[in-house]
C-alpha atoms as a PDB file:
ATOM      1  CA  UNK A   1       5.020 -15.882 -29.031  1.00  0.00           C
ATOM      2  CA  UNK A   2       5.164 -12.215 -27.820  1.00  0.00           C
ATOM      3  CA  UNK A   3       8.579 -10.710 -27.596  1.00  0.00           C
ATOM      4  CA  UNK A   4       9.911 -10.402 -23.693  1.00  0.00           C
ATOM      5  CA  UNK A   5      11.622  -7.242 -24.481  1.00  0.00           C
ATOM      6  CA  UNK A   6       8.107  -5.596 -25.248  1.00  0.00           C
ATOM      7  CA  UNK A   7       6.601  -7.139 -22.556  1.00  0.00           C
ATOM      8  CA  UNK A   8       9.199  -5.589 -20.250  1.00  0.00           C
ATOM      9  CA  UNK A   9       8.782  -2.040 -21.843  1.00  0.00           C
ATOM     10  CA  UNK A  10       5.179  -2.505 -21.536  1.00  0.00           C
ATOM     11  CA  UNK A  11       5.078  -3.217 -17.992  1.00  0.00           C
ATOM     12  CA  UNK A  12       6.995  -0.616 -17.132  1.00  0.00           C
ATOM     13  CA  UNK A  13       4.681   1.797 -18.730  1.00  0.00           C
ATOM     14  CA  UNK A  14       1.971  -0.143 -16.674  1.00  0.00           C
ATOM     15  CA  UNK A  15       4.347   1.134 -13.333  1.00  0.00           C
ATOM     16  CA  UNK A  16       4.633   4.323 -14.444  1.00  0.00           C
ATOM     17  CA  UNK A  17       1.663   5.361 -16.533  1.00  0.00           C
ATOM     18  CA  UNK A  18       3.963   7.241 -18.648  1.00  0.00           C
ATOM     19  CA  UNK A  19       6.095   6.676 -21.631  1.00  0.00           C
ATOM     20  CA  UNK A  20       8.922   9.085 -20.708  1.00  0.00           C
ATOM     21  CA  UNK A  21       9.031   7.974 -17.390  1.00  0.00           C
ATOM     22  CA  UNK A  22       8.862   4.385 -18.050  1.00  0.00           C
ATOM     23  CA  UNK A  23      12.086   5.164 -20.505  1.00  0.00           C
ATOM     24  CA  UNK A  24      13.741   6.576 -18.113  1.00  0.00           C
ATOM     25  CA  UNK A  25      13.536   3.328 -15.782  1.00  0.00           C
ATOM     26  CA  UNK A  26      14.426   0.858 -18.704  1.00  0.00           C
ATOM     27  CA  UNK A  27      17.241   3.407 -20.304  1.00  0.00           C
ATOM     28  CA  UNK A  28      15.326   4.084 -23.021  1.00  0.00           C
ATOM     29  CA  UNK A  29      14.001   6.861 -25.033  1.00  0.00           C
ATOM     30  CA  UNK A  30      10.588   7.768 -25.124  1.00  0.00           C
ATOM     31  CA  UNK A  31      10.036   7.297 -28.640  1.00  0.00           C
ATOM     32  CA  UNK A  32      11.762   3.719 -28.535  1.00  0.00           C
ATOM     33  CA  UNK A  33       9.327   2.926 -25.620  1.00  0.00           C
ATOM     34  CA  UNK A  34       6.508   3.988 -28.118  1.00  0.00           C
ATOM     35  CA  UNK A  35       8.040   1.685 -30.697  1.00  0.00           C
ATOM     36  CA  UNK A  36       7.750  -1.283 -28.349  1.00  0.00           C
ATOM     37  CA  UNK A  37       4.288  -0.418 -27.092  1.00  0.00           C
ATOM     38  CA  UNK A  38       3.104  -0.189 -30.735  1.00  0.00           C
ATOM     39  CA  UNK A  39       4.900  -3.385 -32.133  1.00  0.00           C
ATOM     40  CA  UNK A  40       3.206  -5.366 -28.962  1.00  0.00           C
ATOM     41  CA  UNK A  41      -0.091  -3.895 -29.961  1.00  0.00           C
ATOM     42  CA  UNK A  42       0.182  -4.853 -33.371  1.00  0.00           C
ATOM     43  CA  UNK A  43       1.337  -8.397 -32.331  1.00  0.00           C
ATOM     44  CA  UNK A  44      -1.560  -8.840 -30.126  1.00  0.00           C
ATOM     45  CA  UNK A  45      -4.184  -7.128 -32.471  1.00  0.00           C
ATOM     46  CA  UNK A  46      -5.473  -5.366 -29.599  1.00  0.00           C
ATOM     47  CA  UNK A  47      -5.304  -1.707 -28.290  1.00  0.00           C
ATOM     48  CA  UNK A  48      -3.356  -2.341 -25.014  1.00  0.00           C
ATOM     49  CA  UNK A  49      -3.184   1.677 -23.421  1.00  0.00           C
ATOM     50  CA  UNK A  50      -5.353   4.370 -23.696  1.00  0.00           C
ATOM     51  CA  UNK A  51      -3.536   7.529 -24.440  1.00  0.00           C
ATOM     52  CA  UNK A  52      -4.409  11.257 -23.616  1.00  0.00           C
ATOM     53  CA  UNK A  53      -2.604  14.353 -22.822  1.00  0.00           C
ATOM     54  CA  UNK A  54      -2.197  13.802 -18.620  1.00  0.00           C
ATOM     55  CA  UNK A  55      -0.479  10.149 -19.393  1.00  0.00           C
ATOM     56  CA  UNK A  56      -1.637   6.654 -20.101  1.00  0.00           C
ATOM     57  CA  UNK A  57      -4.331   4.029 -19.059  1.00  0.00           C
ATOM     58  CA  UNK A  58      -5.285   0.201 -19.446  1.00  0.00           C
ATOM     59  CA  UNK A  59      -7.637  -0.640 -21.526  1.00  0.00           C
ATOM     60  CA  UNK A  60      -9.098  -3.946 -21.142  1.00  0.00           C
ATOM     61  CA  UNK A  61      -7.411  -6.202 -22.944  1.00  0.00           C
ATOM     62  CA  UNK A  62      -4.237  -4.120 -21.541  1.00  0.00           C
ATOM     63  CA  UNK A  63      -5.291  -5.668 -18.429  1.00  0.00           C
ATOM     64  CA  UNK A  64      -5.540  -8.830 -19.528  1.00  0.00           C
ATOM     65  CA  UNK A  65      -2.083  -8.547 -21.052  1.00  0.00           C
ATOM     66  CA  UNK A  66      -0.325  -7.426 -17.800  1.00  0.00           C
ATOM     67  CA  UNK A  67      -1.391 -10.237 -16.358  1.00  0.00           C
ATOM     68  CA  UNK A  68       0.034 -12.445 -19.105  1.00  0.00           C
ATOM     69  CA  UNK A  69       3.404 -10.340 -19.175  1.00  0.00           C
ATOM     70  CA  UNK A  70       4.069 -10.437 -15.473  1.00  0.00           C
ATOM     71  CA  UNK A  71       4.033 -14.311 -15.733  1.00  0.00           C
ATOM     72  CA  UNK A  72       6.134 -14.661 -18.760  1.00  0.00           C
ATOM     73  CA  UNK A  73       8.547 -12.041 -17.289  1.00  0.00           C
ATOM     74  CA  UNK A  74       8.550 -13.814 -13.865  1.00  0.00           C
ATOM     75  CA  UNK A  75       9.181 -17.572 -15.568  1.00  0.00           C
ATOM     76  CA  UNK A  76      12.104 -15.831 -17.961  1.00  0.00           C
ATOM     77  CA  UNK A  77      13.800 -14.638 -14.898  1.00  0.00           C
ATOM     78  CA  UNK A  78      13.362 -18.257 -13.125  1.00  0.00           C
ATOM     79  CA  UNK A  79      14.781 -20.048 -15.973  1.00  0.00           C
ATOM     80  CA  UNK A  80      17.825 -17.138 -16.199  1.00  0.00           C
ATOM     81  CA  UNK A  81      18.707 -18.056 -12.755  1.00  0.00           C
ATOM     82  CA  UNK A  82      18.266 -21.444 -13.058  1.00  0.00           C
ATOM     83  CA  UNK A  83      20.747 -22.035 -16.107  1.00  0.00           C
ATOM     84  CA  UNK A  84      22.885 -19.310 -14.282  1.00  0.00           C
ATOM     85  CA  UNK A  85      23.502 -22.185 -11.578  1.00  0.00           C
ATOM     86  CA  UNK A  86      20.963 -20.514  -8.872  1.00  0.00           C
ATOM     87  CA  UNK A  87      18.264 -21.229  -7.538  1.00  0.00           C
ATOM     88  CA  UNK A  88      14.744 -20.652  -8.814  1.00  0.00           C
ATOM     89  CA  UNK A  89      13.026 -17.869  -6.695  1.00  0.00           C
ATOM     90  CA  UNK A  90       9.652 -16.739  -6.270  1.00  0.00           C
ATOM     91  CA  UNK A  91       9.466 -13.269  -6.049  1.00  0.00           C
ATOM     92  CA  UNK A  92       6.304 -11.672  -3.861  1.00  0.00           C
ATOM     93  CA  UNK A  93       5.409  -8.063  -3.753  1.00  0.00           C
ATOM     94  CA  UNK A  94       4.181  -7.296  -0.404  1.00  0.00           C
ATOM     95  CA  UNK A  95       2.167  -3.963   0.495  1.00  0.00           C
ATOM     96  CA  UNK A  96       1.993  -3.147   4.071  1.00  0.00           C
ATOM     97  CA  UNK A  97       0.116  -0.111   5.961  1.00  0.00           C
ATOM     98  CA  UNK A  98       2.656   2.061   7.635  1.00  0.00           C
ATOM     99  CA  UNK A  99       0.956   1.422  11.025  1.00  0.00           C
ATOM    100  CA  UNK A 100       3.205  -1.804  11.236  1.00  0.00           C
ATOM    101  CA  UNK A 101       6.462   0.134  10.889  1.00  0.00           C
ATOM    102  CA  UNK A 102       6.558   0.323  14.998  1.00  0.00           C
ATOM    103  CA  UNK A 103       5.559  -3.493  15.171  1.00  0.00           C
ATOM    104  CA  UNK A 104       7.394  -6.636  14.809  1.00  0.00           C
ATOM    105  CA  UNK A 105       7.215  -7.153  10.871  1.00  0.00           C
ATOM    106  CA  UNK A 106      10.592  -7.423  10.608  1.00  0.00           C
ATOM    107  CA  UNK A 107      10.906 -10.469  12.764  1.00  0.00           C
ATOM    108  CA  UNK A 108       7.728 -12.277  10.964  1.00  0.00           C
ATOM    109  CA  UNK A 109       9.530 -11.477   7.601  1.00  0.00           C
ATOM    110  CA  UNK A 110      13.268 -12.722   8.545  1.00  0.00           C
ATOM    111  CA  UNK A 111      11.744 -15.659   9.895  1.00  0.00           C
ATOM    112  CA  UNK A 112       9.788 -16.560   6.639  1.00  0.00           C
ATOM    113  CA  UNK A 113      12.473 -16.255   4.320  1.00  0.00           C
ATOM    114  CA  UNK A 114      14.796 -18.073   6.403  1.00  0.00           C
ATOM    115  CA  UNK A 115      12.206 -21.020   5.889  1.00  0.00           C
ATOM    116  CA  UNK A 116      11.593 -20.175   2.622  1.00  0.00           C
ATOM    117  CA  UNK A 117      14.579 -19.851   0.938  1.00  0.00           C
ATOM    118  CA  UNK A 118      13.798 -19.739  -2.876  1.00  0.00           C
ATOM    119  CA  UNK A 119      10.990 -17.175  -1.915  1.00  0.00           C
ATOM    120  CA  UNK A 120      12.216 -13.185  -2.227  1.00  0.00           C
ATOM    121  CA  UNK A 121       9.946 -10.471  -0.670  1.00  0.00           C
ATOM    122  CA  UNK A 122       9.721  -7.028  -2.315  1.00  0.00           C
ATOM    123  CA  UNK A 123       8.341  -4.647   0.549  1.00  0.00           C
ATOM    124  CA  UNK A 124       6.272  -1.595  -0.207  1.00  0.00           C
ATOM    125  CA  UNK A 125       5.104   0.927   2.800  1.00  0.00           C
ATOM    126  CA  UNK A 126       2.641   3.294   2.474  1.00  0.00           C
ATOM    127  CA  UNK A 127      -0.827   4.181   3.356  1.00  0.00           C
ATOM    128  CA  UNK A 128      -3.502   1.785   2.912  1.00  0.00           C
ATOM    129  CA  UNK A 129      -5.818   3.334   0.412  1.00  0.00           C
ATOM    130  CA  UNK A 130      -2.435   4.017  -1.944  1.00  0.00           C
ATOM    131  CA  UNK A 131      -1.777  -0.104  -1.327  1.00  0.00           C
ATOM    132  CA  UNK A 132      -5.271  -0.787  -2.309  1.00  0.00           C
ATOM    133  CA  UNK A 133      -4.841   0.810  -5.594  1.00  0.00           C
ATOM    134  CA  UNK A 134      -1.475  -0.543  -6.336  1.00  0.00           C
ATOM    135  CA  UNK A 135      -3.095  -3.732  -5.738  1.00  0.00           C
ATOM    136  CA  UNK A 136      -5.589  -2.984  -8.069  1.00  0.00           C
ATOM    137  CA  UNK A 137      -3.420  -1.855 -10.654  1.00  0.00           C
ATOM    138  CA  UNK A 138      -1.220  -5.633 -10.480  1.00  0.00           C
ATOM    139  CA  UNK A 139       1.335  -3.912  -8.696  1.00  0.00           C
ATOM    140  CA  UNK A 140       1.716  -5.622  -5.733  1.00  0.00           C
ATOM    141  CA  UNK A 141       0.994  -9.351  -5.071  1.00  0.00           C
ATOM    142  CA  UNK A 142      -0.271  -9.267  -1.119  1.00  0.00           C
ATOM    143  CA  UNK A 143      -1.067  -6.565   1.234  1.00  0.00           C
ATOM    144  CA  UNK A 144      -1.759  -5.893   4.562  1.00  0.00           C
ATOM    145  CA  UNK A 145      -3.735  -2.890   5.329  1.00  0.00           C
ATOM    146  CA  UNK A 146      -7.116  -1.567   6.566  1.00  0.00           C
ATOM    147  CA  UNK A 147     -10.220  -2.577   4.872  1.00  0.00           C
ATOM    148  CA  UNK A 148     -11.878   0.185   2.930  1.00  0.00           C
ATOM    149  CA  UNK A 149     -15.798   0.346   3.997  1.00  0.00           C
ATOM    150  CA  UNK A 150     -16.386  -0.289   0.536  1.00  0.00           C
ATOM    151  CA  UNK A 151     -14.290  -3.373  -0.152  1.00  0.00           C
ATOM    152  CA  UNK A 152     -15.382  -6.885   0.956  1.00  0.00           C
ATOM    153  CA  UNK A 153     -11.904  -8.754  -0.068  1.00  0.00           C
ATOM    154  CA  UNK A 154      -9.554  -9.696   2.259  1.00  0.00           C
ATOM    155  CA  UNK A 155      -8.657 -11.974   5.261  1.00  0.00           C
ATOM    156  CA  UNK A 156      -9.509  -9.990   8.635  1.00  0.00           C
ATOM    157  CA  UNK A 157      -6.486 -10.691  10.870  1.00  0.00           C
ATOM    158  CA  UNK A 158      -8.147  -8.216  13.429  1.00  0.00           C
ATOM    159  CA  UNK A 159     -10.532  -5.309  14.245  1.00  0.00           C
ATOM    160  CA  UNK A 160      -9.389  -2.399  16.311  1.00  0.00           C
ATOM    161  CA  UNK A 161     -10.997   0.662  17.610  1.00  0.00           C
ATOM    162  CA  UNK A 162      -9.045   3.911  16.625  1.00  0.00           C
ATOM    163  CA  UNK A 163      -7.829   6.551  19.215  1.00  0.00           C
ATOM    164  CA  UNK A 164      -7.545   9.951  19.685  1.00  0.00           C
ATOM    165  CA  UNK A 165      -3.734  10.550  19.987  1.00  0.00           C
ATOM    166  CA  UNK A 166      -1.445  13.555  21.357  1.00  0.00           C
ATOM    167  CA  UNK A 167       1.417  14.649  22.977  1.00  0.00           C
ATOM    168  CA  UNK A 168       1.012  13.710  27.202  1.00  0.00           C
ATOM    169  CA  UNK A 169       1.480  17.392  27.501  1.00  0.00           C
ATOM    170  CA  UNK A 170      -1.161  18.463  25.041  1.00  0.00           C
ATOM    171  CA  UNK A 171      -4.273  20.544  26.116  1.00  0.00           C
ATOM    172  CA  UNK A 172      -7.348  20.794  24.777  1.00  0.00           C
ATOM    173  CA  UNK A 173      -9.930  23.671  25.420  1.00  0.00           C
ATOM    174  CA  UNK A 174     -13.444  22.460  25.758  1.00  0.00           C
ATOM    175  CA  UNK A 175     -15.306  23.255  22.380  1.00  0.00           C
ATOM    176  CA  UNK A 176     -12.310  24.517  20.828  1.00  0.00           C
ATOM    177  CA  UNK A 177     -11.598  24.108  17.047  1.00  0.00           C
ATOM    178  CA  UNK A 178      -9.708  20.685  16.906  1.00  0.00           C
ATOM    179  CA  UNK A 179      -6.168  21.160  15.678  1.00  0.00           C
ATOM    180  CA  UNK A 180      -5.577  17.832  13.566  1.00  0.00           C
ATOM    181  CA  UNK A 181      -2.675  16.050  12.385  1.00  0.00           C
ATOM    182  CA  UNK A 182      -3.259  14.080   8.984  1.00  0.00           C
ATOM    183  CA  UNK A 183      -1.962  12.891   6.358  1.00  0.00           C
ATOM    184  CA  UNK A 184      -1.903  15.203   3.257  1.00  0.00           C
ATOM    185  CA  UNK A 185      -3.552  12.697   0.729  1.00  0.00           C
ATOM    186  CA  UNK A 186      -6.556  10.850   1.741  1.00  0.00           C
ATOM    187  CA  UNK A 187      -6.600   8.225   4.128  1.00  0.00           C
ATOM    188  CA  UNK A 188      -9.118   5.698   5.771  1.00  0.00           C
ATOM    189  CA  UNK A 189      -8.417   6.706   9.394  1.00  0.00           C
ATOM    190  CA  UNK A 190      -8.604  11.050   8.161  1.00  0.00           C
ATOM    191  CA  UNK A 191     -11.654  10.374   6.598  1.00  0.00           C
ATOM    192  CA  UNK A 192     -12.989   8.754   9.456  1.00  0.00           C
ATOM    193  CA  UNK A 193     -11.572  11.422  12.076  1.00  0.00           C
ATOM    194  CA  UNK A 194     -13.062  14.026   9.800  1.00  0.00           C
ATOM    195  CA  UNK A 195     -16.761  12.667   9.068  1.00  0.00           C
ATOM    196  CA  UNK A 196     -17.043  11.947  13.195  1.00  0.00           C
ATOM    197  CA  UNK A 197     -15.760  15.786  14.065  1.00  0.00           C
ATOM    198  CA  UNK A 198     -18.614  16.922  11.345  1.00  0.00           C
ATOM    199  CA  UNK A 199     -21.253  14.495  12.502  1.00  0.00           C
ATOM    200  CA  UNK A 200     -20.508  16.037  16.146  1.00  0.00           C
ATOM    201  CA  UNK A 201     -20.526  19.565  15.395  1.00  0.00           C
ATOM    202  CA  UNK A 202     -17.315  20.125  16.272  1.00  0.00           C
ATOM    203  CA  UNK A 203     -15.299  22.757  14.536  1.00  0.00           C
ATOM    204  CA  UNK A 204     -11.579  21.282  13.470  1.00  0.00           C
ATOM    205  CA  UNK A 205      -8.923  22.664  11.172  1.00  0.00           C
ATOM    206  CA  UNK A 206      -5.835  21.150   9.701  1.00  0.00           C
ATOM    207  CA  UNK A 207      -2.600  22.121  12.067  1.00  0.00           C
ATOM    208  CA  UNK A 208       0.095  19.707  10.088  1.00  0.00           C
ATOM    209  CA  UNK A 209      -0.310  17.360   7.240  1.00  0.00           C
ATOM    210  CA  UNK A 210       2.340  15.061   6.155  1.00  0.00           C
ATOM    211  CA  UNK A 211       2.922  12.056   3.848  1.00  0.00           C
ATOM    212  CA  UNK A 212       4.503   9.544   6.147  1.00  0.00           C
ATOM    213  CA  UNK A 213       3.643   7.896   9.748  1.00  0.00           C
ATOM    214  CA  UNK A 214       6.832   9.412  10.966  1.00  0.00           C
ATOM    215  CA  UNK A 215       5.937  13.177   9.914  1.00  0.00           C
ATOM    216  CA  UNK A 216       2.704  12.634  11.846  1.00  0.00           C
ATOM    217  CA  UNK A 217       4.365  11.408  14.920  1.00  0.00           C
ATOM    218  CA  UNK A 218       7.006  14.422  14.889  1.00  0.00           C
ATOM    219  CA  UNK A 219       4.231  16.785  14.488  1.00  0.00           C
ATOM    220  CA  UNK A 220       1.885  15.166  17.473  1.00  0.00           C
ATOM    221  CA  UNK A 221       5.253  14.987  19.820  1.00  0.00           C
ATOM    222  CA  UNK A 222       5.988  18.656  19.048  1.00  0.00           C
ATOM    223  CA  UNK A 223       2.545  19.355  20.510  1.00  0.00           C
ATOM    224  CA  UNK A 224       1.020  20.697  17.262  1.00  0.00           C
ATOM    225  CA  UNK A 225      -2.574  19.057  17.322  1.00  0.00           C
ATOM    226  CA  UNK A 226      -3.984  15.711  17.847  1.00  0.00           C
ATOM    227  CA  UNK A 227      -4.596  12.441  15.231  1.00  0.00           C
ATOM    228  CA  UNK A 228      -6.618   9.654  14.951  1.00  0.00           C
ATOM    229  CA  UNK A 229      -4.714   6.655  14.475  1.00  0.00           C
ATOM    230  CA  UNK A 230      -4.146   2.805  15.432  1.00  0.00           C
ATOM    231  CA  UNK A 231      -3.645   2.492  18.910  1.00  0.00           C
ATOM    232  CA  UNK A 232      -0.364   0.702  17.987  1.00  0.00           C
ATOM    233  CA  UNK A 233       1.155   4.391  17.726  1.00  0.00           C
ATOM    234  CA  UNK A 234       0.843   4.589  21.222  1.00  0.00           C
ATOM    235  CA  UNK A 235       3.617   2.331  21.428  1.00  0.00           C
ATOM    236  CA  UNK A 236       6.131   5.384  20.809  1.00  0.00           C
ATOM    237  CA  UNK A 237       6.845   7.180  24.022  1.00  0.00           C
ATOM    238  CA  UNK A 238       5.197  10.651  25.103  1.00  0.00           C
ATOM    239  CA  UNK A 239       2.184  10.001  22.969  1.00  0.00           C
ATOM    240  CA  UNK A 240      -1.485   9.107  25.235  1.00  0.00           C
ATOM    241  CA  UNK A 241      -4.952   8.395  24.364  1.00  0.00           C
ATOM    242  CA  UNK A 242      -6.839  11.422  24.752  1.00  0.00           C
ATOM    243  CA  UNK A 243      -9.472  10.628  27.521  1.00  0.00           C
ATOM    244  CA  UNK A 244     -13.114  10.698  26.918  1.00  0.00           C
ATOM    245  CA  UNK A 245     -13.395  14.141  29.423  1.00  0.00           C
ATOM    246  CA  UNK A 246     -12.160  15.711  26.211  1.00  0.00           C
ATOM    247  CA  UNK A 247     -15.449  15.562  24.804  1.00  0.00           C
ATOM    248  CA  UNK A 248     -14.227  13.880  21.430  1.00  0.00           C
ATOM    249  CA  UNK A 249     -16.539  11.776  18.820  1.00  0.00           C
ATOM    250  CA  UNK A 250     -15.987   8.018  18.881  1.00  0.00           C
ATOM    251  CA  UNK A 251     -14.234   6.994  15.904  1.00  0.00           C
ATOM    252  CA  UNK A 252     -15.295   3.594  15.594  1.00  0.00           C
ATOM    253  CA  UNK A 253     -13.300   0.385  14.751  1.00  0.00           C
ATOM    254  CA  UNK A 254     -11.088  -0.629  11.439  1.00  0.00           C
ATOM    255  CA  UNK A 255     -10.400  -3.583  10.231  1.00  0.00           C
ATOM    256  CA  UNK A 256      -6.893  -4.983   9.295  1.00  0.00           C
ATOM    257  CA  UNK A 257      -7.129  -7.524   6.630  1.00  0.00           C
ATOM    258  CA  UNK A 258      -4.620  -9.649   4.359  1.00  0.00           C
ATOM    259  CA  UNK A 259      -6.133  -9.312   0.859  1.00  0.00           C
ATOM    260  CA  UNK A 260      -4.472 -10.402  -2.742  1.00  0.00           C
ATOM    261  CA  UNK A 261      -4.814  -9.937  -6.377  1.00  0.00           C
ATOM    262  CA  UNK A 262      -7.595 -12.671  -6.383  1.00  0.00           C
ATOM    263  CA  UNK A 263      -9.607 -14.090  -3.743  1.00  0.00           C
ATOM    264  CA  UNK A 264      -7.806 -17.487  -3.381  1.00  0.00           C
ATOM    265  CA  UNK A 265      -4.469 -17.048  -2.468  1.00  0.00           C
ATOM    266  CA  UNK A 266      -1.976 -19.828  -3.710  1.00  0.00           C
ATOM    267  CA  UNK A 267       1.421 -21.041  -3.637  1.00  0.00           C
ATOM    268  CA  UNK A 268       4.177 -18.549  -1.742  1.00  0.00           C
ATOM    269  CA  UNK A 269       1.610 -15.525  -1.227  1.00  0.00           C
ATOM    270  CA  UNK A 270      -0.774 -17.843   0.340  1.00  0.00           C
ATOM    271  CA  UNK A 271       2.141 -19.329   2.662  1.00  0.00           C
ATOM    272  CA  UNK A 272       3.302 -15.663   3.507  1.00  0.00           C
ATOM    273  CA  UNK A 273      -0.456 -14.728   3.973  1.00  0.00           C
ATOM    274  CA  UNK A 274      -0.514 -17.443   6.622  1.00  0.00           C
ATOM    275  CA  UNK A 275       2.485 -16.684   8.391  1.00  0.00           C
ATOM    276  CA  UNK A 276       1.062 -12.780   9.109  1.00  0.00           C
ATOM    277  CA  UNK A 277      -1.714 -14.525  10.094  1.00  0.00           C
ATOM    278  CA  UNK A 278      -0.234 -16.307  12.749  1.00  0.00           C
ATOM    279  CA  UNK A 279       1.767 -13.342  13.966  1.00  0.00           C
ATOM    280  CA  UNK A 280       0.671 -10.711  16.642  1.00  0.00           C
ATOM    281  CA  UNK A 281       2.009  -7.945  14.822  1.00  0.00           C
ATOM    282  CA  UNK A 282      -0.209  -5.497  16.603  1.00  0.00           C
ATOM    283  CA  UNK A 283       0.930  -7.153  19.955  1.00  0.00           C
END
C-alpha cells in the first residue's frame, strides 16, 4: 500500500513543479520533500519525476501515479468527512476562460451547487491556453475555454466571430500602425489578431500588455489602443466594436468548448458540464 502522506507530497510537487515550493505548500523542508519522493519511488519501483536544474517534470510512470494519487487522496478525504459526521463531497476543479467574468457564470454555479449539495466546485479563472496546460497536467477536471486550433477535444458550446474593440471615442488613422492591447502571455485571441494583421500587411505595435482581462479593459477604456476579443466584452459600457470602415482585417471565429481530462465525462463532472451547456453564458 502507498503511504498517503507520500502521495500528498508527490501531488504538491506535481502542482508546483518544484521541491521547495511544494515544501512551502505543505509546511515541510525541501529535504523532507525529497525524502518523501524517494520513498514513494522506492515503493513504486519506478522513477516518477525527472529532475534538472530548472525544476521537475513527470515521467510516463509519474503521470500514471498522479492519477492514482488524486483518486486515493480524494477517497481518503471523503472517508474522513463521513466518519467526522459530514456528508461525503465530490470535488470538481473547474477552469473557466476570463471571457466569462462578465457573463452569468456565478448564477449557473450557484444553481448547480444548490441542486448538488454533495458536490463542491473549485473555480479557477485564466487564459484558455493556461487552462489547457493545467487540464493536461491533471490540475483541473473540466474547463470552459476557447478551442485551440490543434485540439479536437471538447464539447462545442457555441462559435463566435471575434471583434476589434476600442473605446467609443477612439480614432484610428487610416493605414496607421495599430496600437494593440494584448495579454502579456500567449493567448488564442492575441495570436489570431497578430496573424490577421501580418497577413493583411498592416503594421502594429503593442501599446499595452496585461496578465488579466480587467487590465485589458482598463487600457482600452483609457484609449490606449484596440484589442481583439469576444463580443462579450462589449457589455462593458464605453466599449464598441470598430466598424469595417476602420480597415482592420477579419479575425475569423473562435469556438468555445467544455473539455475534461478524458473524452467521456462521468459523474458530477458530466452533470456540471450539462448544466453549463444548458445555460446561455454568453447571453
